[in-house]
Amino acid sequence: MRLYRDEAVVLRAQKLGEADRIVTLLTRHHGRVRASAKGVRRTSSRFGARLEPFMHVDLQLYEGRSLDTVTQAVTLAPYGGMLTSDYGAYVAAAAIAETAERLTDAEREPATQQFLLVVGALRTLAARTHTPSLVLDAYLLRALSIAGWAISLTDCAGCGAPGPHRAFSVAAGGSVCPQCRPPGSAAPHPATLALMSALLTGDWAGADASDPAQRREGSGLIAAHLQWHLERGVRSLAMVERT
C-alpha cells in the first residue's frame, strides 16, 4: 500500500462502527478522497478534533482498496471551530462543502483550483470580513466558472452579442439578447447583475455596498444556475436562504 501526504479540507464526516469515522476530503494534489479515520471518536484520540468538517489539515494517508486510511493529521487552520459559533457562517460553509463535493464527483482527480477556492472561502467566512451569503455567492460563481459553467453576465450567452442585456435565462447560461431570449426568462435589476459581476471579480467594495434586494435576487439566480447544472438540489442552500 502506498503512503502519501497531502493538504486537505474536510468536507464531510460520517460515523463508522463504534469509534471510527469516514471523512470526505478535498485535497490539494489528489482531488476528492474518502478515508477512514480509526478511533477518532474516542476521547483519547490524538487527532479526532482535527478531522471535523471545515478543518484545514496536513494529512498522511495510505491507500486502500475502497477507502484510504488517515495515519497522521496536523491542523493548518481550525476553521471548523471558528465557524460553529456563527450560524450564518456555518450554513454558508456547509453549502460550500456540499457544492465542492458535487463539483468534484470523480475521486482522485486533481482539483487544485477548487481546493484553493474552498480554503479561501472558509478563511474569509472565519475572518467575518464580509456577509456570509456574499462569500457563499462569490464562491459559487467562481466554482462554477472553474467547472466550465460560467454565468454570462454581460454578453449574450446564446450568440455572444455585446451587452449588457436585460433578460436572464438559467437554461441558456445567463444574460440573453432579445433575439436569443427564450420564453420564461427573468428580467433582473441591472444592479443585481452588477453585484454578481463584483462577486465574480473580487470587487468587495462594490459587493459590500449592495442593496439587500439585489443580494436576494442574485442569490436566487446563482442557486438556480448551480442546481440546473448539477441536476439536483444542494440541500444546504435552503438553510442559507432562510437566514
C-alpha atoms as a PDB file:
ATOM      1  CA  MET A   1       0.000   0.000   0.000  1.00  0.00           C
ATOM      2  CA  ARG A   2       1.302   3.443  -0.962  1.00  0.00           C
ATOM      3  CA  LEU A   3       1.787   6.028   1.766  1.00  0.00           C
ATOM      4  CA  TYR A   4       1.294   9.652   0.773  1.00  0.00           C
ATOM      5  CA  ARG A   5       0.933  13.109   2.318  1.00  0.00           C
ATOM      6  CA  ASP A   6      -1.303  15.975   1.232  1.00  0.00           C
ATOM      7  CA  GLU A   7      -3.022  19.138   2.377  1.00  0.00           C
ATOM      8  CA  ALA A   8      -6.802  18.844   2.672  1.00  0.00           C
ATOM      9  CA  VAL A   9     -10.084  20.399   3.746  1.00  0.00           C
ATOM     10  CA  VAL A  10     -12.603  18.129   5.471  1.00  0.00           C
ATOM     11  CA  LEU A  11     -15.887  18.373   3.554  1.00  0.00           C
ATOM     12  CA  ARG A  12     -17.938  15.789   5.421  1.00  0.00           C
ATOM     13  CA  ALA A  13     -17.676  13.270   8.240  1.00  0.00           C
ATOM     14  CA  GLN A  14     -19.747  10.108   8.823  1.00  0.00           C
ATOM     15  CA  LYS A  15     -19.782   7.662  11.712  1.00  0.00           C
ATOM     16  CA  LEU A  16     -18.292   4.226  11.059  1.00  0.00           C
ATOM     17  CA  GLY A  17     -18.718   1.479  13.640  1.00  0.00           C
ATOM     18  CA  GLU A  18     -18.374   2.395  17.304  1.00  0.00           C
ATOM     19  CA  ALA A  19     -15.300   4.614  17.235  1.00  0.00           C
ATOM     20  CA  ASP A  20     -14.280   5.273  13.630  1.00  0.00           C
ATOM     21  CA  ARG A  21     -15.278   7.865  11.089  1.00  0.00           C
ATOM     22  CA  ILE A  22     -15.305   8.182   7.306  1.00  0.00           C
ATOM     23  CA  VAL A  23     -14.146  11.612   6.160  1.00  0.00           C
ATOM     24  CA  THR A  24     -14.594  13.108   2.715  1.00  0.00           C
ATOM     25  CA  LEU A  25     -11.586  15.257   1.898  1.00  0.00           C
ATOM     26  CA  LEU A  26     -10.780  17.755  -0.817  1.00  0.00           C
ATOM     27  CA  THR A  27      -7.018  17.607  -1.179  1.00  0.00           C
ATOM     28  CA  ARG A  28      -4.625  19.943  -2.950  1.00  0.00           C
ATOM     29  CA  HIS A  29      -2.990  17.328  -5.200  1.00  0.00           C
ATOM     30  CA  HIS A  30      -5.198  14.206  -5.126  1.00  0.00           C
ATOM     31  CA  GLY A  31      -8.640  15.737  -5.585  1.00  0.00           C
ATOM     32  CA  ARG A  32     -11.551  14.345  -3.609  1.00  0.00           C
ATOM     33  CA  VAL A  33     -10.620  11.417  -1.362  1.00  0.00           C
ATOM     34  CA  ARG A  34     -12.661   9.294   1.052  1.00  0.00           C
ATOM     35  CA  ALA A  35     -10.730   7.922   4.001  1.00  0.00           C
ATOM     36  CA  SER A  36     -11.328   6.117   7.267  1.00  0.00           C
ATOM     37  CA  ALA A  37     -10.070   7.634  10.497  1.00  0.00           C
ATOM     38  CA  LYS A  38      -9.775   4.873  13.056  1.00  0.00           C
ATOM     39  CA  GLY A  39     -10.642   5.542  16.691  1.00  0.00           C
ATOM     40  CA  VAL A  40     -11.205   9.277  16.229  1.00  0.00           C
ATOM     41  CA  ARG A  41     -14.494   9.256  18.137  1.00  0.00           C
ATOM     42  CA  ARG A  42     -12.792   8.055  21.304  1.00  0.00           C
ATOM     43  CA  THR A  43     -11.939  10.731  23.873  1.00  0.00           C
ATOM     44  CA  SER A  44      -8.344   9.517  23.840  1.00  0.00           C
ATOM     45  CA  SER A  45      -7.945  10.042  20.085  1.00  0.00           C
ATOM     46  CA  ARG A  46      -4.896  12.097  19.130  1.00  0.00           C
ATOM     47  CA  PHE A  47      -6.478  13.813  16.126  1.00  0.00           C
ATOM     48  CA  GLY A  48     -10.250  13.378  16.341  1.00  0.00           C
ATOM     49  CA  ALA A  49     -10.992  17.124  16.519  1.00  0.00           C
ATOM     50  CA  ARG A  50      -8.702  17.757  13.546  1.00  0.00           C
ATOM     51  CA  LEU A  51     -10.980  15.767  11.248  1.00  0.00           C
ATOM     52  CA  GLU A  52     -14.183  17.702  11.804  1.00  0.00           C
ATOM     53  CA  PRO A  53     -15.874  19.427   8.831  1.00  0.00           C
ATOM     54  CA  PHE A  54     -14.215  22.612   7.517  1.00  0.00           C
ATOM     55  CA  MET A  55     -10.853  21.873   9.149  1.00  0.00           C
ATOM     56  CA  HIS A  56      -7.797  22.673   7.024  1.00  0.00           C
ATOM     57  CA  VAL A  57      -5.233  19.974   7.754  1.00  0.00           C
ATOM     58  CA  ASP A  58      -1.997  18.367   6.640  1.00  0.00           C
ATOM     59  CA  LEU A  59      -2.554  14.607   6.431  1.00  0.00           C
ATOM     60  CA  GLN A  60      -0.633  11.411   5.966  1.00  0.00           C
ATOM     61  CA  LEU A  61      -2.647   8.574   4.464  1.00  0.00           C
ATOM     62  CA  TYR A  62      -2.131   5.212   2.909  1.00  0.00           C
ATOM     63  CA  GLU A  63      -4.133   3.896   0.001  1.00  0.00           C
ATOM     64  CA  GLY A  64      -6.710   1.188   0.451  1.00  0.00           C
ATOM     65  CA  ARG A  65      -8.938  -0.742  -1.925  1.00  0.00           C
ATOM     66  CA  SER A  66     -12.116   1.208  -1.210  1.00  0.00           C
ATOM     67  CA  LEU A  67     -11.067   3.739   1.432  1.00  0.00           C
ATOM     68  CA  ASP A  68      -7.737   5.299   2.272  1.00  0.00           C
ATOM     69  CA  THR A  69      -6.719   5.472   5.936  1.00  0.00           C
ATOM     70  CA  VAL A  70      -5.607   8.562   7.835  1.00  0.00           C
ATOM     71  CA  THR A  71      -2.490   7.873   9.889  1.00  0.00           C
ATOM     72  CA  GLN A  72      -1.443  11.426  10.844  1.00  0.00           C
ATOM     73  CA  ALA A  73      -3.221  14.792  10.983  1.00  0.00           C
ATOM     74  CA  VAL A  74      -1.795  18.242  11.698  1.00  0.00           C
ATOM     75  CA  THR A  75      -4.033  21.303  11.909  1.00  0.00           C
ATOM     76  CA  LEU A  76      -3.190  24.117   9.498  1.00  0.00           C
ATOM     77  CA  ALA A  77      -6.245  26.282  10.244  1.00  0.00           C
ATOM     78  CA  PRO A  78      -9.082  25.364  12.651  1.00  0.00           C
ATOM     79  CA  TYR A  79     -11.904  26.802  10.552  1.00  0.00           C
ATOM     80  CA  GLY A  80     -14.360  24.263  11.957  1.00  0.00           C
ATOM     81  CA  GLY A  81     -14.138  25.712  15.451  1.00  0.00           C
ATOM     82  CA  MET A  82     -14.199  29.289  14.165  1.00  0.00           C
ATOM     83  CA  LEU A  83     -17.404  28.792  12.174  1.00  0.00           C
ATOM     84  CA  THR A  84     -19.582  26.893  14.638  1.00  0.00           C
ATOM     85  CA  SER A  85     -20.184  29.999  16.767  1.00  0.00           C
ATOM     86  CA  ASP A  86     -21.929  31.865  13.922  1.00  0.00           C
ATOM     87  CA  TYR A  87     -24.986  30.255  12.348  1.00  0.00           C
ATOM     88  CA  GLY A  88     -24.850  32.287   9.142  1.00  0.00           C
ATOM     89  CA  ALA A  89     -21.182  31.498   8.566  1.00  0.00           C
ATOM     90  CA  TYR A  90     -21.695  27.829   9.464  1.00  0.00           C
ATOM     91  CA  VAL A  91     -24.534  27.175   6.997  1.00  0.00           C
ATOM     92  CA  ALA A  92     -22.666  29.085   4.268  1.00  0.00           C
ATOM     93  CA  ALA A  93     -19.648  26.835   4.921  1.00  0.00           C
ATOM     94  CA  ALA A  94     -21.914  23.776   4.787  1.00  0.00           C
ATOM     95  CA  ALA A  95     -23.236  24.867   1.378  1.00  0.00           C
ATOM     96  CA  ILE A  96     -19.671  25.446   0.157  1.00  0.00           C
ATOM     97  CA  ALA A  97     -18.567  21.998   1.310  1.00  0.00           C
ATOM     98  CA  GLU A  98     -21.585  20.277  -0.238  1.00  0.00           C
ATOM     99  CA  THR A  99     -21.097  22.105  -3.540  1.00  0.00           C
ATOM    100  CA  ALA A 100     -17.374  21.327  -3.614  1.00  0.00           C
ATOM    101  CA  GLU A 101     -18.146  17.635  -3.157  1.00  0.00           C
ATOM    102  CA  ARG A 102     -20.676  17.711  -6.004  1.00  0.00           C
ATOM    103  CA  LEU A 103     -18.321  19.557  -8.360  1.00  0.00           C
ATOM    104  CA  THR A 104     -15.511  17.050  -7.741  1.00  0.00           C
ATOM    105  CA  ASP A 105     -17.558  13.908  -8.272  1.00  0.00           C
ATOM    106  CA  ALA A 106     -14.633  11.903  -9.680  1.00  0.00           C
ATOM    107  CA  GLU A 107     -12.430  10.645  -6.850  1.00  0.00           C
ATOM    108  CA  ARG A 108      -8.662  11.172  -7.067  1.00  0.00           C
ATOM    109  CA  GLU A 109      -8.961  13.552  -9.996  1.00  0.00           C
ATOM    110  CA  PRO A 110      -6.754  16.589  -9.211  1.00  0.00           C
ATOM    111  CA  ALA A 111      -8.808  19.728  -8.488  1.00  0.00           C
ATOM    112  CA  THR A 112      -6.261  22.212  -7.160  1.00  0.00           C
ATOM    113  CA  GLN A 113      -8.228  25.303  -8.187  1.00  0.00           C
ATOM    114  CA  GLN A 114     -11.360  24.044  -6.434  1.00  0.00           C
ATOM    115  CA  PHE A 115      -9.299  23.245  -3.329  1.00  0.00           C
ATOM    116  CA  LEU A 116      -7.776  26.737  -3.198  1.00  0.00           C
ATOM    117  CA  LEU A 117     -11.194  28.301  -3.734  1.00  0.00           C
ATOM    118  CA  VAL A 118     -12.717  26.359  -0.819  1.00  0.00           C
ATOM    119  CA  VAL A 119      -9.821  27.245   1.504  1.00  0.00           C
ATOM    120  CA  GLY A 120     -10.116  30.919   0.571  1.00  0.00           C
ATOM    121  CA  ALA A 121     -13.881  30.946   1.143  1.00  0.00           C
ATOM    122  CA  LEU A 122     -13.580  29.263   4.557  1.00  0.00           C
ATOM    123  CA  ARG A 123     -10.802  31.674   5.548  1.00  0.00           C
ATOM    124  CA  THR A 124     -12.981  34.648   4.623  1.00  0.00           C
ATOM    125  CA  LEU A 125     -16.003  33.261   6.499  1.00  0.00           C
ATOM    126  CA  ALA A 126     -13.882  32.652   9.597  1.00  0.00           C
ATOM    127  CA  ALA A 127     -12.474  36.195   9.453  1.00  0.00           C
ATOM    128  CA  ARG A 128     -16.024  37.695   9.424  1.00  0.00           C
ATOM    129  CA  THR A 129     -14.902  40.349   6.935  1.00  0.00           C
ATOM    130  CA  HIS A 130     -17.951  40.029   4.654  1.00  0.00           C
ATOM    131  CA  THR A 131     -21.569  38.919   4.925  1.00  0.00           C
ATOM    132  CA  PRO A 132     -21.667  35.089   4.767  1.00  0.00           C
ATOM    133  CA  SER A 133     -24.212  34.996   1.950  1.00  0.00           C
ATOM    134  CA  LEU A 134     -21.978  37.209  -0.194  1.00  0.00           C
ATOM    135  CA  VAL A 135     -18.988  34.961   0.461  1.00  0.00           C
ATOM    136  CA  LEU A 136     -21.068  31.934  -0.499  1.00  0.00           C
ATOM    137  CA  ASP A 137     -22.307  33.528  -3.719  1.00  0.00           C
ATOM    138  CA  ALA A 138     -18.771  34.611  -4.656  1.00  0.00           C
ATOM    139  CA  TYR A 139     -17.593  31.042  -4.112  1.00  0.00           C
ATOM    140  CA  LEU A 140     -20.442  29.565  -6.176  1.00  0.00           C
ATOM    141  CA  LEU A 141     -19.835  31.914  -9.109  1.00  0.00           C
ATOM    142  CA  ARG A 142     -16.114  31.146  -9.180  1.00  0.00           C
ATOM    143  CA  ALA A 143     -16.523  27.409  -8.591  1.00  0.00           C
ATOM    144  CA  LEU A 144     -18.993  27.193 -11.473  1.00  0.00           C
ATOM    145  CA  SER A 145     -16.548  29.069 -13.707  1.00  0.00           C
ATOM    146  CA  ILE A 146     -13.746  26.643 -12.838  1.00  0.00           C
ATOM    147  CA  ALA A 147     -16.084  23.712 -13.540  1.00  0.00           C
ATOM    148  CA  GLY A 148     -16.812  25.115 -17.018  1.00  0.00           C
ATOM    149  CA  TRP A 149     -20.275  26.524 -16.261  1.00  0.00           C
ATOM    150  CA  ALA A 150     -19.518  30.237 -16.032  1.00  0.00           C
ATOM    151  CA  ILE A 151     -22.548  32.550 -15.954  1.00  0.00           C
ATOM    152  CA  SER A 152     -22.623  35.136 -18.734  1.00  0.00           C
ATOM    153  CA  LEU A 153     -23.297  38.463 -17.011  1.00  0.00           C
ATOM    154  CA  THR A 154     -22.745  40.937 -19.865  1.00  0.00           C
ATOM    155  CA  ASP A 155     -22.628  39.418 -23.346  1.00  0.00           C
ATOM    156  CA  CYS A 156     -25.402  37.209 -24.665  1.00  0.00           C
ATOM    157  CA  ALA A 157     -24.986  33.595 -23.597  1.00  0.00           C
ATOM    158  CA  GLY A 158     -26.563  32.465 -26.873  1.00  0.00           C
ATOM    159  CA  CYS A 159     -24.955  34.445 -29.685  1.00  0.00           C
ATOM    160  CA  GLY A 160     -22.301  36.453 -27.848  1.00  0.00           C
ATOM    161  CA  ALA A 161     -23.794  39.845 -28.742  1.00  0.00           C
ATOM    162  CA  PRO A 162     -22.230  42.580 -26.576  1.00  0.00           C
ATOM    163  CA  GLY A 163     -24.322  43.591 -23.590  1.00  0.00           C
ATOM    164  CA  PRO A 164     -25.494  44.378 -21.063  1.00  0.00           C
ATOM    165  CA  HIS A 165     -28.846  42.728 -21.742  1.00  0.00           C
ATOM    166  CA  ARG A 166     -31.994  42.895 -19.622  1.00  0.00           C
ATOM    167  CA  ALA A 167     -33.080  39.256 -19.899  1.00  0.00           C
ATOM    168  CA  PHE A 168     -31.536  36.361 -17.960  1.00  0.00           C
ATOM    169  CA  SER A 169     -32.093  32.673 -18.705  1.00  0.00           C
ATOM    170  CA  VAL A 170     -30.713  29.952 -16.432  1.00  0.00           C
ATOM    171  CA  ALA A 171     -31.115  27.312 -19.148  1.00  0.00           C
ATOM    172  CA  ALA A 172     -29.281  29.462 -21.706  1.00  0.00           C
ATOM    173  CA  GLY A 173     -26.399  30.237 -19.338  1.00  0.00           C
ATOM    174  CA  GLY A 174     -27.034  33.822 -18.207  1.00  0.00           C
ATOM    175  CA  SER A 175     -27.790  37.126 -19.919  1.00  0.00           C
ATOM    176  CA  VAL A 176     -29.507  36.849 -23.299  1.00  0.00           C
ATOM    177  CA  CYS A 177     -30.245  39.353 -26.040  1.00  0.00           C
ATOM    178  CA  PRO A 178     -33.809  39.965 -27.325  1.00  0.00           C
ATOM    179  CA  GLN A 179     -33.246  37.615 -30.280  1.00  0.00           C
ATOM    180  CA  CYS A 180     -31.987  34.723 -28.119  1.00  0.00           C
ATOM    181  CA  ARG A 181     -34.323  35.277 -25.180  1.00  0.00           C
ATOM    182  CA  PRO A 182     -36.327  32.061 -24.526  1.00  0.00           C
ATOM    183  CA  PRO A 183     -39.825  32.113 -23.018  1.00  0.00           C
ATOM    184  CA  GLY A 184     -39.872  32.399 -19.242  1.00  0.00           C
ATOM    185  CA  SER A 185     -36.623  34.360 -18.974  1.00  0.00           C
ATOM    186  CA  ALA A 186     -36.153  36.552 -15.914  1.00  0.00           C
ATOM    187  CA  ALA A 187     -35.532  40.293 -16.015  1.00  0.00           C
ATOM    188  CA  PRO A 188     -33.248  41.009 -13.041  1.00  0.00           C
ATOM    189  CA  HIS A 189     -32.425  44.528 -11.927  1.00  0.00           C
ATOM    190  CA  PRO A 190     -29.229  45.816 -13.605  1.00  0.00           C
ATOM    191  CA  ALA A 191     -27.742  46.328 -10.126  1.00  0.00           C
ATOM    192  CA  THR A 192     -28.191  42.602  -9.464  1.00  0.00           C
ATOM    193  CA  LEU A 193     -26.032  41.681 -12.437  1.00  0.00           C
ATOM    194  CA  ALA A 194     -23.513  44.327 -11.362  1.00  0.00           C
ATOM    195  CA  LEU A 195     -23.374  42.712  -7.907  1.00  0.00           C
ATOM    196  CA  MET A 196     -22.838  39.254  -9.388  1.00  0.00           C
ATOM    197  CA  SER A 197     -20.048  40.629 -11.569  1.00  0.00           C
ATOM    198  CA  ALA A 198     -18.443  42.250  -8.496  1.00  0.00           C
ATOM    199  CA  LEU A 199     -18.540  38.957  -6.606  1.00  0.00           C
ATOM    200  CA  LEU A 200     -17.035  37.103  -9.545  1.00  0.00           C
ATOM    201  CA  THR A 201     -14.165  39.564  -9.983  1.00  0.00           C
ATOM    202  CA  GLY A 202     -13.479  40.189  -6.284  1.00  0.00           C
ATOM    203  CA  ASP A 203     -14.769  43.774  -6.115  1.00  0.00           C
ATOM    204  CA  TRP A 204     -15.689  43.538  -2.439  1.00  0.00           C
ATOM    205  CA  ALA A 205     -16.157  47.291  -2.000  1.00  0.00           C
ATOM    206  CA  GLY A 206     -18.964  47.201  -4.567  1.00  0.00           C
ATOM    207  CA  ALA A 207     -20.417  43.953  -3.216  1.00  0.00           C
ATOM    208  CA  ASP A 208     -20.470  45.125   0.411  1.00  0.00           C
ATOM    209  CA  ALA A 209     -22.291  48.315  -0.620  1.00  0.00           C
ATOM    210  CA  SER A 210     -25.025  46.429  -2.498  1.00  0.00           C
ATOM    211  CA  ASP A 211     -28.712  46.617  -1.628  1.00  0.00           C
ATOM    212  CA  PRO A 212     -30.326  43.656   0.228  1.00  0.00           C
ATOM    213  CA  ALA A 213     -32.956  43.291  -2.512  1.00  0.00           C
ATOM    214  CA  GLN A 214     -30.250  42.814  -5.153  1.00  0.00           C
ATOM    215  CA  ARG A 215     -28.434  40.350  -2.902  1.00  0.00           C
ATOM    216  CA  ARG A 216     -31.559  38.207  -2.584  1.00  0.00           C
ATOM    217  CA  GLU A 217     -32.257  38.340  -6.311  1.00  0.00           C
ATOM    218  CA  GLY A 218     -28.648  37.499  -7.168  1.00  0.00           C
ATOM    219  CA  SER A 219     -28.593  34.579  -4.724  1.00  0.00           C
ATOM    220  CA  GLY A 220     -31.695  33.151  -6.362  1.00  0.00           C
ATOM    221  CA  LEU A 221     -30.206  33.354  -9.853  1.00  0.00           C
ATOM    222  CA  ILE A 222     -26.900  31.820  -8.745  1.00  0.00           C
ATOM    223  CA  ALA A 223     -28.628  28.979  -6.886  1.00  0.00           C
ATOM    224  CA  ALA A 224     -30.848  28.255  -9.884  1.00  0.00           C
ATOM    225  CA  HIS A 225     -27.829  28.198 -12.222  1.00  0.00           C
ATOM    226  CA  LEU A 226     -25.948  25.856  -9.878  1.00  0.00           C
ATOM    227  CA  GLN A 227     -28.805  23.418  -9.465  1.00  0.00           C
ATOM    228  CA  TRP A 228     -29.575  23.433 -13.209  1.00  0.00           C
ATOM    229  CA  HIS A 229     -26.072  22.160 -13.968  1.00  0.00           C
ATOM    230  CA  LEU A 230     -25.835  19.769 -11.016  1.00  0.00           C
ATOM    231  CA  GLU A 231     -29.269  18.398 -11.974  1.00  0.00           C
ATOM    232  CA  ARG A 232     -30.278  18.168  -8.330  1.00  0.00           C
ATOM    233  CA  GLY A 233     -30.574  20.477  -5.355  1.00  0.00           C
ATOM    234  CA  VAL A 234     -27.930  21.454  -2.831  1.00  0.00           C
ATOM    235  CA  ARG A 235     -29.731  20.895   0.475  1.00  0.00           C
ATOM    236  CA  SER A 236     -27.624  23.330   2.499  1.00  0.00           C
ATOM    237  CA  LEU A 237     -28.673  26.264   0.311  1.00  0.00           C
ATOM    238  CA  ALA A 238     -32.202  26.126   1.734  1.00  0.00           C
ATOM    239  CA  MET A 239     -30.847  26.864   5.207  1.00  0.00           C
ATOM    240  CA  VAL A 240     -28.856  29.838   3.929  1.00  0.00           C
ATOM    241  CA  GLU A 241     -31.907  31.318   2.224  1.00  0.00           C
ATOM    242  CA  ARG A 242     -33.953  31.245   5.451  1.00  0.00           C
ATOM    243  CA  THR A 243     -31.391  33.195   7.488  1.00  0.00           C
END
